[in-house]
PDB file of N, CA and C in Angstrom:
ATOM      1  N   MET A   1      -1.427  23.883  18.539  1.00  0.00           N
ATOM      2  CA  MET A   1      -1.624  23.554  17.146  1.00  0.00           C
ATOM      3  C   MET A   1      -1.865  22.043  17.028  1.00  0.00           C
ATOM      4  N   VAL A   2      -2.909  21.657  16.324  1.00  0.00           N
ATOM      5  CA  VAL A   2      -3.222  20.244  16.133  1.00  0.00           C
ATOM      6  C   VAL A   2      -2.572  19.786  14.843  1.00  0.00           C
ATOM      7  N   THR A   3      -1.779  18.750  14.934  1.00  0.00           N
ATOM      8  CA  THR A   3      -1.102  18.224  13.748  1.00  0.00           C
ATOM      9  C   THR A   3      -1.913  17.098  13.139  1.00  0.00           C
ATOM     10  N   PHE A   4      -1.520  16.716  11.954  1.00  0.00           N
ATOM     11  CA  PHE A   4      -2.158  15.584  11.277  1.00  0.00           C
ATOM     12  C   PHE A   4      -2.089  14.340  12.157  1.00  0.00           C
ATOM     13  N   ALA A   5      -0.930  14.110  12.779  1.00  0.00           N
ATOM     14  CA  ALA A   5      -0.753  12.926  13.629  1.00  0.00           C
ATOM     15  C   ALA A   5      -1.689  12.973  14.838  1.00  0.00           C
ATOM     16  N   ASP A   6      -1.853  14.168  15.440  1.00  0.00           N
ATOM     17  CA  ASP A   6      -2.755  14.304  16.585  1.00  0.00           C
ATOM     18  C   ASP A   6      -4.189  13.993  16.176  1.00  0.00           C
ATOM     19  N   ASP A   7      -4.590  14.544  15.037  1.00  0.00           N
ATOM     20  CA  ASP A   7      -5.949  14.325  14.541  1.00  0.00           C
ATOM     21  C   ASP A   7      -6.174  12.856  14.234  1.00  0.00           C
ATOM     22  N   LEU A   8      -5.210  12.218  13.619  1.00  0.00           N
ATOM     23  CA  LEU A   8      -5.314  10.801  13.282  1.00  0.00           C
ATOM     24  C   LEU A   8      -5.378   9.954  14.545  1.00  0.00           C
ATOM     25  N   ASP A   9      -4.583  10.320  15.545  1.00  0.00           N
ATOM     26  CA  ASP A   9      -4.543   9.567  16.792  1.00  0.00           C
ATOM     27  C   ASP A   9      -5.893   9.595  17.505  1.00  0.00           C
ATOM     28  N   LYS A  10      -6.633  10.688  17.371  1.00  0.00           N
ATOM     29  CA  LYS A  10      -7.946  10.784  18.006  1.00  0.00           C
ATOM     30  C   LYS A  10      -8.948   9.846  17.339  1.00  0.00           C
ATOM     31  N   LYS A  11      -8.814   9.650  16.025  1.00  0.00           N
ATOM     32  CA  LYS A  11      -9.767   8.833  15.281  1.00  0.00           C
ATOM     33  C   LYS A  11      -9.458   7.339  15.375  1.00  0.00           C
ATOM     34  N   THR A  12      -8.190   7.001  15.416  1.00  0.00           N
ATOM     35  CA  THR A  12      -7.781   5.596  15.467  1.00  0.00           C
ATOM     36  C   THR A  12      -6.623   5.462  16.436  1.00  0.00           C
ATOM     37  N   LYS A  13      -6.346   4.246  16.813  1.00  0.00           N
ATOM     38  CA  LYS A  13      -5.159   4.009  17.633  1.00  0.00           C
ATOM     39  C   LYS A  13      -3.943   4.438  16.819  1.00  0.00           C
ATOM     40  N   PHE A  14      -3.029   5.143  17.438  1.00  0.00           N
ATOM     41  CA  PHE A  14      -1.852   5.646  16.717  1.00  0.00           C
ATOM     42  C   PHE A  14      -1.092   4.506  16.064  1.00  0.00           C
ATOM     43  N   ASN A  15      -0.776   4.678  14.811  1.00  0.00           N
ATOM     44  CA  ASN A  15      -0.030   3.682  14.058  1.00  0.00           C
ATOM     45  C   ASN A  15       0.862   4.408  13.062  1.00  0.00           C
ATOM     46  N   PRO A  16       2.189   4.374  13.244  1.00  0.00           N
ATOM     47  CA  PRO A  16       3.096   5.081  12.337  1.00  0.00           C
ATOM     48  C   PRO A  16       2.917   4.674  10.878  1.00  0.00           C
ATOM     49  N   GLN A  17       2.543   3.408  10.623  1.00  0.00           N
ATOM     50  CA  GLN A  17       2.343   2.965   9.246  1.00  0.00           C
ATOM     51  C   GLN A  17       1.206   3.743   8.595  1.00  0.00           C
ATOM     52  N   THR A  18       0.150   3.997   9.356  1.00  0.00           N
ATOM     53  CA  THR A  18      -0.993   4.721   8.808  1.00  0.00           C
ATOM     54  C   THR A  18      -0.561   6.112   8.369  1.00  0.00           C
ATOM     55  N   ILE A  19       0.245   6.767   9.186  1.00  0.00           N
ATOM     56  CA  ILE A  19       0.712   8.109   8.833  1.00  0.00           C
ATOM     57  C   ILE A  19       1.604   8.035   7.598  1.00  0.00           C
ATOM     58  N   LEU A  20       2.524   7.092   7.569  1.00  0.00           N
ATOM     59  CA  LEU A  20       3.416   6.943   6.417  1.00  0.00           C
ATOM     60  C   LEU A  20       2.604   6.738   5.150  1.00  0.00           C
ATOM     61  N   LEU A  21       1.644   5.831   5.205  1.00  0.00           N
ATOM     62  CA  LEU A  21       0.851   5.526   4.024  1.00  0.00           C
ATOM     63  C   LEU A  21      -0.010   6.712   3.617  1.00  0.00           C
ATOM     64  N   SER A  22      -0.577   7.417   4.593  1.00  0.00           N
ATOM     65  CA  SER A  22      -1.438   8.552   4.289  1.00  0.00           C
ATOM     66  C   SER A  22      -0.653   9.715   3.702  1.00  0.00           C
ATOM     67  N   VAL A  23       0.496   9.983   4.259  1.00  0.00           N
ATOM     68  CA  VAL A  23       1.303  11.110   3.801  1.00  0.00           C
ATOM     69  C   VAL A  23       1.918  10.810   2.439  1.00  0.00           C
ATOM     70  N   SER A  24       2.335   9.572   2.207  1.00  0.00           N
ATOM     71  CA  SER A  24       3.049   9.258   0.970  1.00  0.00           C
ATOM     72  C   SER A  24       2.195   9.454  -0.270  1.00  0.00           C
ATOM     73  N   TRP A  25       0.887   9.262  -0.169  1.00  0.00           N
ATOM     74  CA  TRP A  25       0.017   9.400  -1.332  1.00  0.00           C
ATOM     75  C   TRP A  25      -0.026  10.842  -1.832  1.00  0.00           C
ATOM     76  N   ARG A  26       0.277  11.790  -0.973  1.00  0.00           N
ATOM     77  CA  ARG A  26       0.260  13.199  -1.376  1.00  0.00           C
ATOM     78  C   ARG A  26       1.500  13.572  -2.181  1.00  0.00           C
ATOM     79  N   ASP A  27       2.534  12.779  -2.094  1.00  0.00           N
ATOM     80  CA  ASP A  27       3.764  13.077  -2.829  1.00  0.00           C
ATOM     81  C   ASP A  27       3.515  12.987  -4.326  1.00  0.00           C
ATOM     82  N   GLU A  28       4.277  13.739  -5.080  1.00  0.00           N
ATOM     83  CA  GLU A  28       4.209  13.653  -6.536  1.00  0.00           C
ATOM     84  C   GLU A  28       4.772  12.305  -6.978  1.00  0.00           C
ATOM     85  N   PRO A  29       4.228  11.753  -8.066  1.00  0.00           N
ATOM     86  CA  PRO A  29       4.798  10.496  -8.570  1.00  0.00           C
ATOM     87  C   PRO A  29       6.284  10.659  -8.863  1.00  0.00           C
ATOM     88  N   LYS A  30       7.034   9.652  -8.542  1.00  0.00           N
ATOM     89  CA  LYS A  30       8.475   9.662  -8.784  1.00  0.00           C
ATOM     90  C   LYS A  30       8.850   8.319  -9.372  1.00  0.00           C
ATOM     91  N   LYS A  31      10.082   8.205  -9.791  1.00  0.00           N
ATOM     92  CA  LYS A  31      10.540   6.926 -10.307  1.00  0.00           C
ATOM     93  C   LYS A  31      10.588   5.936  -9.144  1.00  0.00           C
ATOM     94  N   ILE A  32       9.956   4.795  -9.340  1.00  0.00           N
ATOM     95  CA  ILE A  32       9.855   3.805  -8.275  1.00  0.00           C
ATOM     96  C   ILE A  32      10.880   2.706  -8.497  1.00  0.00           C
ATOM     97  N   ASN A  33      11.617   2.393  -7.449  1.00  0.00           N
ATOM     98  CA  ASN A  33      12.511   1.251  -7.455  1.00  0.00           C
ATOM     99  C   ASN A  33      11.665   0.035  -7.106  1.00  0.00           C
ATOM    100  N   LEU A  34      11.644  -0.980  -7.959  1.00  0.00           N
ATOM    101  CA  LEU A  34      10.784  -2.134  -7.716  1.00  0.00           C
ATOM    102  C   LEU A  34      11.169  -2.906  -6.462  1.00  0.00           C
ATOM    103  N   ASP A  35      12.357  -2.674  -5.928  1.00  0.00           N
ATOM    104  CA  ASP A  35      12.765  -3.332  -4.691  1.00  0.00           C
ATOM    105  C   ASP A  35      12.344  -2.530  -3.458  1.00  0.00           C
ATOM    106  N   GLU A  36      11.649  -1.406  -3.685  1.00  0.00           N
ATOM    107  CA  GLU A  36      11.159  -0.587  -2.575  1.00  0.00           C
ATOM    108  C   GLU A  36      10.035  -1.311  -1.843  1.00  0.00           C
ATOM    109  N   SER A  37       9.895  -1.036  -0.584  1.00  0.00           N
ATOM    110  CA  SER A  37       8.862  -1.657   0.252  1.00  0.00           C
ATOM    111  C   SER A  37       7.468  -1.214  -0.183  1.00  0.00           C
ATOM    112  N   ILE A  38       6.488  -2.109  -0.019  1.00  0.00           N
ATOM    113  CA  ILE A  38       5.103  -1.738  -0.301  1.00  0.00           C
ATOM    114  C   ILE A  38       4.597  -0.707   0.704  1.00  0.00           C
ATOM    115  N   ALA A  39       5.385  -0.391   1.716  1.00  0.00           N
ATOM    116  CA  ALA A  39       4.978   0.611   2.717  1.00  0.00           C
ATOM    117  C   ALA A  39       4.809   1.990   2.100  1.00  0.00           C
ATOM    118  N   ILE A  40       5.375   2.236   0.914  1.00  0.00           N
ATOM    119  CA  ILE A  40       5.225   3.556   0.300  1.00  0.00           C
ATOM    120  C   ILE A  40       3.858   3.717  -0.355  1.00  0.00           C
ATOM    121  N   MET A  41       3.095   2.628  -0.461  1.00  0.00           N
ATOM    122  CA  MET A  41       1.795   2.674  -1.127  1.00  0.00           C
ATOM    123  C   MET A  41       0.710   3.142  -0.164  1.00  0.00           C
ATOM    124  N   ASP A  42      -0.297   3.801  -0.700  1.00  0.00           N
ATOM    125  CA  ASP A  42      -1.424   4.240   0.119  1.00  0.00           C
ATOM    126  C   ASP A  42      -2.416   3.089   0.217  1.00  0.00           C
ATOM    127  N   LEU A  43      -2.158   2.191   1.147  1.00  0.00           N
ATOM    128  CA  LEU A  43      -3.004   1.012   1.329  1.00  0.00           C
ATOM    129  C   LEU A  43      -3.624   1.029   2.723  1.00  0.00           C
ATOM    130  N   PRO A  44      -4.826   0.485   2.848  1.00  0.00           N
ATOM    131  CA  PRO A  44      -5.361   0.315   4.200  1.00  0.00           C
ATOM    132  C   PRO A  44      -4.395  -0.557   5.011  1.00  0.00           C
ATOM    133  N   VAL A  45      -4.239  -0.265   6.275  1.00  0.00           N
ATOM    134  CA  VAL A  45      -3.267  -0.978   7.109  1.00  0.00           C
ATOM    135  C   VAL A  45      -3.523  -2.485   7.087  1.00  0.00           C
ATOM    136  N   ARG A  46      -4.789  -2.891   7.121  1.00  0.00           N
ATOM    137  CA  ARG A  46      -5.087  -4.329   7.104  1.00  0.00           C
ATOM    138  C   ARG A  46      -4.600  -4.966   5.792  1.00  0.00           C
ATOM    139  N   THR A  47      -4.765  -4.269   4.682  1.00  0.00           N
ATOM    140  CA  THR A  47      -4.285  -4.768   3.389  1.00  0.00           C
ATOM    141  C   THR A  47      -2.771  -4.906   3.422  1.00  0.00           C
ATOM    142  N   TYR A  48      -2.103  -3.868   3.913  1.00  0.00           N
ATOM    143  CA  TYR A  48      -0.648  -3.861   4.013  1.00  0.00           C
ATOM    144  C   TYR A  48      -0.159  -5.051   4.851  1.00  0.00           C
ATOM    145  N   GLN A  49      -0.787  -5.261   5.984  1.00  0.00           N
ATOM    146  CA  GLN A  49      -0.380  -6.362   6.863  1.00  0.00           C
ATOM    147  C   GLN A  49      -0.651  -7.717   6.222  1.00  0.00           C
ATOM    148  N   SER A  50      -1.782  -7.852   5.521  1.00  0.00           N
ATOM    149  CA  SER A  50      -2.105  -9.113   4.851  1.00  0.00           C
ATOM    150  C   SER A  50      -1.092  -9.425   3.756  1.00  0.00           C
ATOM    151  N   LEU A  51      -0.690  -8.406   3.016  1.00  0.00           N
ATOM    152  CA  LEU A  51       0.322  -8.612   1.976  1.00  0.00           C
ATOM    153  C   LEU A  51       1.635  -9.082   2.597  1.00  0.00           C
ATOM    154  N   GLN A  52       2.047  -8.411   3.660  1.00  0.00           N
ATOM    155  CA  GLN A  52       3.302  -8.783   4.327  1.00  0.00           C
ATOM    156  C   GLN A  52       3.253 -10.214   4.850  1.00  0.00           C
ATOM    157  N   LYS A  53       2.147 -10.611   5.451  1.00  0.00           N
ATOM    158  CA  LYS A  53       2.021 -11.968   5.987  1.00  0.00           C
ATOM    159  C   LYS A  53       2.125 -13.016   4.889  1.00  0.00           C
ATOM    160  N   ASN A  54       1.817 -12.626   3.646  1.00  0.00           N
ATOM    161  CA  ASN A  54       1.870 -13.545   2.523  1.00  0.00           C
ATOM    162  C   ASN A  54       3.146 -13.385   1.693  1.00  0.00           C
ATOM    163  N   GLY A  55       4.152 -12.770   2.284  1.00  0.00           N
ATOM    164  CA  GLY A  55       5.463 -12.668   1.645  1.00  0.00           C
ATOM    165  C   GLY A  55       5.569 -11.611   0.568  1.00  0.00           C
ATOM    166  N   ILE A  56       4.608 -10.706   0.515  1.00  0.00           N
ATOM    167  CA  ILE A  56       4.649  -9.626  -0.474  1.00  0.00           C
ATOM    168  C   ILE A  56       5.135  -8.378   0.249  1.00  0.00           C
ATOM    169  N   GLU A  57       6.431  -8.109   0.114  1.00  0.00           N
ATOM    170  CA  GLU A  57       7.016  -7.003   0.871  1.00  0.00           C
ATOM    171  C   GLU A  57       7.555  -5.886  -0.003  1.00  0.00           C
ATOM    172  N   THR A  58       7.815  -6.172  -1.270  1.00  0.00           N
ATOM    173  CA  THR A  58       8.343  -5.144  -2.171  1.00  0.00           C
ATOM    174  C   THR A  58       7.361  -4.922  -3.326  1.00  0.00           C
ATOM    175  N   ILE A  59       7.567  -3.843  -4.054  1.00  0.00           N
ATOM    176  CA  ILE A  59       6.738  -3.558  -5.217  1.00  0.00           C
ATOM    177  C   ILE A  59       6.874  -4.702  -6.236  1.00  0.00           C
ATOM    178  N   LYS A  60       8.086  -5.219  -6.413  1.00  0.00           N
ATOM    179  CA  LYS A  60       8.302  -6.321  -7.353  1.00  0.00           C
ATOM    180  C   LYS A  60       7.509  -7.564  -6.942  1.00  0.00           C
ATOM    181  N   ASP A  61       7.500  -7.873  -5.649  1.00  0.00           N
ATOM    182  CA  ASP A  61       6.708  -9.011  -5.151  1.00  0.00           C
ATOM    183  C   ASP A  61       5.232  -8.806  -5.500  1.00  0.00           C
ATOM    184  N   LEU A  62       4.762  -7.587  -5.314  1.00  0.00           N
ATOM    185  CA  LEU A  62       3.362  -7.284  -5.583  1.00  0.00           C
ATOM    186  C   LEU A  62       3.035  -7.455  -7.064  1.00  0.00           C
ATOM    187  N   LEU A  63       3.910  -6.958  -7.923  1.00  0.00           N
ATOM    188  CA  LEU A  63       3.663  -7.034  -9.366  1.00  0.00           C
ATOM    189  C   LEU A  63       3.611  -8.472  -9.872  1.00  0.00           C
ATOM    190  N   LYS A  64       4.202  -9.383  -9.146  1.00  0.00           N
ATOM    191  CA  LYS A  64       4.181 -10.802  -9.528  1.00  0.00           C
ATOM    192  C   LYS A  64       2.981 -11.528  -8.934  1.00  0.00           C
ATOM    193  N   SER A  65       2.144 -10.833  -8.172  1.00  0.00           N
ATOM    194  CA  SER A  65       1.121 -11.499  -7.361  1.00  0.00           C
ATOM    195  C   SER A  65      -0.311 -11.221  -7.776  1.00  0.00           C
ATOM    196  N   LYS A  66      -0.543 -10.733  -8.977  1.00  0.00           N
ATOM    197  CA  LYS A  66      -1.899 -10.357  -9.388  1.00  0.00           C
ATOM    198  C   LYS A  66      -2.909 -11.491  -9.168  1.00  0.00           C
ATOM    199  N   ASN A  67      -2.559 -12.691  -9.575  1.00  0.00           N
ATOM    200  CA  ASN A  67      -3.492 -13.815  -9.470  1.00  0.00           C
ATOM    201  C   ASN A  67      -3.726 -14.255  -8.025  1.00  0.00           C
ATOM    202  N   ARG A  68      -2.818 -13.939  -7.127  1.00  0.00           N
ATOM    203  CA  ARG A  68      -2.945 -14.339  -5.723  1.00  0.00           C
ATOM    204  C   ARG A  68      -3.775 -13.380  -4.883  1.00  0.00           C
ATOM    205  N   LEU A  69      -3.875 -12.122  -5.310  1.00  0.00           N
ATOM    206  CA  LEU A  69      -4.471 -11.082  -4.461  1.00  0.00           C
ATOM    207  C   LEU A  69      -5.874 -11.412  -3.975  1.00  0.00           C
ATOM    208  N   LYS A  70      -6.729 -11.904  -4.842  1.00  0.00           N
ATOM    209  CA  LYS A  70      -8.117 -12.169  -4.446  1.00  0.00           C
ATOM    210  C   LYS A  70      -8.224 -13.305  -3.438  1.00  0.00           C
ATOM    211  N   ASN A  71      -7.194 -14.135  -3.363  1.00  0.00           N
ATOM    212  CA  ASN A  71      -7.217 -15.264  -2.436  1.00  0.00           C
ATOM    213  C   ASN A  71      -6.578 -14.946  -1.088  1.00  0.00           C
ATOM    214  N   ILE A  72      -6.045 -13.743  -0.941  1.00  0.00           N
ATOM    215  CA  ILE A  72      -5.399 -13.362   0.315  1.00  0.00           C
ATOM    216  C   ILE A  72      -6.439 -12.722   1.230  1.00  0.00           C
ATOM    217  N   SER A  73      -6.653 -13.315   2.376  1.00  0.00           N
ATOM    218  CA  SER A  73      -7.599 -12.799   3.348  1.00  0.00           C
ATOM    219  C   SER A  73      -7.156 -11.419   3.836  1.00  0.00           C
ATOM    220  N   GLY A  74      -8.081 -10.479   3.902  1.00  0.00           N
ATOM    221  CA  GLY A  74      -7.772  -9.147   4.418  1.00  0.00           C
ATOM    222  C   GLY A  74      -7.506  -8.107   3.345  1.00  0.00           C
ATOM    223  N   ILE A  75      -7.464  -8.517   2.064  1.00  0.00           N
ATOM    224  CA  ILE A  75      -7.195  -7.555   0.997  1.00  0.00           C
ATOM    225  C   ILE A  75      -8.480  -6.799   0.643  1.00  0.00           C
ATOM    226  N   GLY A  76      -9.503  -7.499   0.245  1.00  0.00           N
ATOM    227  CA  GLY A  76     -10.788  -6.890  -0.075  1.00  0.00           C
ATOM    228  C   GLY A  76     -10.755  -6.026  -1.320  1.00  0.00           C
ATOM    229  N   GLU A  77     -11.937  -5.576  -1.731  1.00  0.00           N
ATOM    230  CA  GLU A  77     -12.060  -4.740  -2.930  1.00  0.00           C
ATOM    231  C   GLU A  77     -11.335  -3.413  -2.763  1.00  0.00           C
ATOM    232  N   LEU A  78     -11.437  -2.815  -1.562  1.00  0.00           N
ATOM    233  CA  LEU A  78     -10.775  -1.534  -1.328  1.00  0.00           C
ATOM    234  C   LEU A  78      -9.270  -1.665  -1.525  1.00  0.00           C
ATOM    235  N   GLY A  79      -8.683  -2.707  -0.970  1.00  0.00           N
ATOM    236  CA  GLY A  79      -7.244  -2.919  -1.118  1.00  0.00           C
ATOM    237  C   GLY A  79      -6.846  -3.106  -2.569  1.00  0.00           C
ATOM    238  N   ILE A  80      -7.612  -3.916  -3.293  1.00  0.00           N
ATOM    239  CA  ILE A  80      -7.306  -4.158  -4.703  1.00  0.00           C
ATOM    240  C   ILE A  80      -7.457  -2.866  -5.507  1.00  0.00           C
ATOM    241  N   ASN A  81      -8.493  -2.083  -5.217  1.00  0.00           N
ATOM    242  CA  ASN A  81      -8.671  -0.803  -5.910  1.00  0.00           C
ATOM    243  C   ASN A  81      -7.508   0.147  -5.642  1.00  0.00           C
ATOM    244  N   ARG A  82      -7.047   0.212  -4.397  1.00  0.00           N
ATOM    245  CA  ARG A  82      -5.916   1.094  -4.073  1.00  0.00           C
ATOM    246  C   ARG A  82      -4.643   0.633  -4.768  1.00  0.00           C
ATOM    247  N   ILE A  83      -4.450  -0.679  -4.842  1.00  0.00           N
ATOM    248  CA  ILE A  83      -3.274  -1.212  -5.529  1.00  0.00           C
ATOM    249  C   ILE A  83      -3.327  -0.840  -7.005  1.00  0.00           C
ATOM    250  N   GLU A  84      -4.481  -1.028  -7.632  1.00  0.00           N
ATOM    251  CA  GLU A  84      -4.643  -0.675  -9.055  1.00  0.00           C
ATOM    252  C   GLU A  84      -4.383   0.817  -9.282  1.00  0.00           C
ATOM    253  N   LEU A  85      -4.898   1.680  -8.403  1.00  0.00           N
ATOM    254  CA  LEU A  85      -4.666   3.122  -8.536  1.00  0.00           C
ATOM    255  C   LEU A  85      -3.183   3.455  -8.433  1.00  0.00           C
ATOM    256  N   PHE A  86      -2.509   2.824  -7.483  1.00  0.00           N
ATOM    257  CA  PHE A  86      -1.076   3.061  -7.300  1.00  0.00           C
ATOM    258  C   PHE A  86      -0.317   2.659  -8.563  1.00  0.00           C
ATOM    259  N   LEU A  87      -0.608   1.470  -9.083  1.00  0.00           N
ATOM    260  CA  LEU A  87       0.094   0.984 -10.273  1.00  0.00           C
ATOM    261  C   LEU A  87      -0.157   1.902 -11.468  1.00  0.00           C
ATOM    262  N   LYS A  88      -1.393   2.354 -11.617  1.00  0.00           N
ATOM    263  CA  LYS A  88      -1.732   3.251 -12.720  1.00  0.00           C
ATOM    264  C   LYS A  88      -1.012   4.587 -12.567  1.00  0.00           C
ATOM    265  N   ARG A  89      -0.999   5.099 -11.355  1.00  0.00           N
ATOM    266  CA  ARG A  89      -0.362   6.400 -11.096  1.00  0.00           C
ATOM    267  C   ARG A  89       1.120   6.375 -11.436  1.00  0.00           C
ATOM    268  N   TYR A  90       1.774   5.267 -11.141  1.00  0.00           N
ATOM    269  CA  TYR A  90       3.214   5.160 -11.390  1.00  0.00           C
ATOM    270  C   TYR A  90       3.544   4.422 -12.683  1.00  0.00           C
ATOM    271  N   LYS A  91       2.494   4.169 -13.499  1.00  0.00           N
ATOM    272  CA  LYS A  91       2.666   3.520 -14.801  1.00  0.00           C
ATOM    273  C   LYS A  91       3.401   2.187 -14.692  1.00  0.00           C
ATOM    274  N   LEU A  92       2.989   1.390 -13.701  1.00  0.00           N
ATOM    275  CA  LEU A  92       3.572   0.077 -13.499  1.00  0.00           C
ATOM    276  C   LEU A  92       2.612  -0.971 -14.013  1.00  0.00           C
ATOM    277  N   ASN A  93       3.143  -2.064 -14.526  1.00  0.00           N
ATOM    278  CA  ASN A  93       2.333  -3.153 -15.059  1.00  0.00           C
ATOM    279  C   ASN A  93       2.614  -4.424 -14.289  1.00  0.00           C
ATOM    280  N   TRP A  94       1.602  -5.287 -14.243  1.00  0.00           N
ATOM    281  CA  TRP A  94       1.766  -6.606 -13.611  1.00  0.00           C
ATOM    282  C   TRP A  94       2.828  -7.384 -14.371  1.00  0.00           C
ATOM    283  N   ILE A  95       3.603  -8.173 -13.646  1.00  0.00           N
ATOM    284  CA  ILE A  95       4.605  -9.048 -14.250  1.00  0.00           C
ATOM    285  C   ILE A  95       3.948 -10.402 -14.463  1.00  0.00           C
ATOM    286  N   GLU A  96       3.869 -10.830 -15.711  1.00  0.00           N
ATOM    287  CA  GLU A  96       3.231 -12.117 -16.022  1.00  0.00           C
ATOM    288  C   GLU A  96       4.094 -13.246 -15.508  1.00  0.00           C
ATOM    289  N   GLN A  97       3.459 -14.237 -14.927  1.00  0.00           N
ATOM    290  CA  GLN A  97       4.156 -15.424 -14.396  1.00  0.00           C
ATOM    291  C   GLN A  97       3.966 -16.591 -15.314  1.00  0.00           C
TER     292      GLN A  97
END
């Protein structure tokens, strides 16, 4: 039997973060703790790593970073679109600074 992880491993180098991010998007929306890690978001791995390198590790950190996102190398339009979709899905708003 071929599992999702086996199929993913054939297409890309195995990365547990990719599986976590891919699987989590299928979950039903739930109440989000703003101190939760951004790892629960369905983000491209490069976007996730770029956010972490810039000190954005929790949902709360992300919500405070709207103006910084376009200046972070590795985010790109795809990353910003996925972030916007996640925020909309969970009815979260940017925190004004």
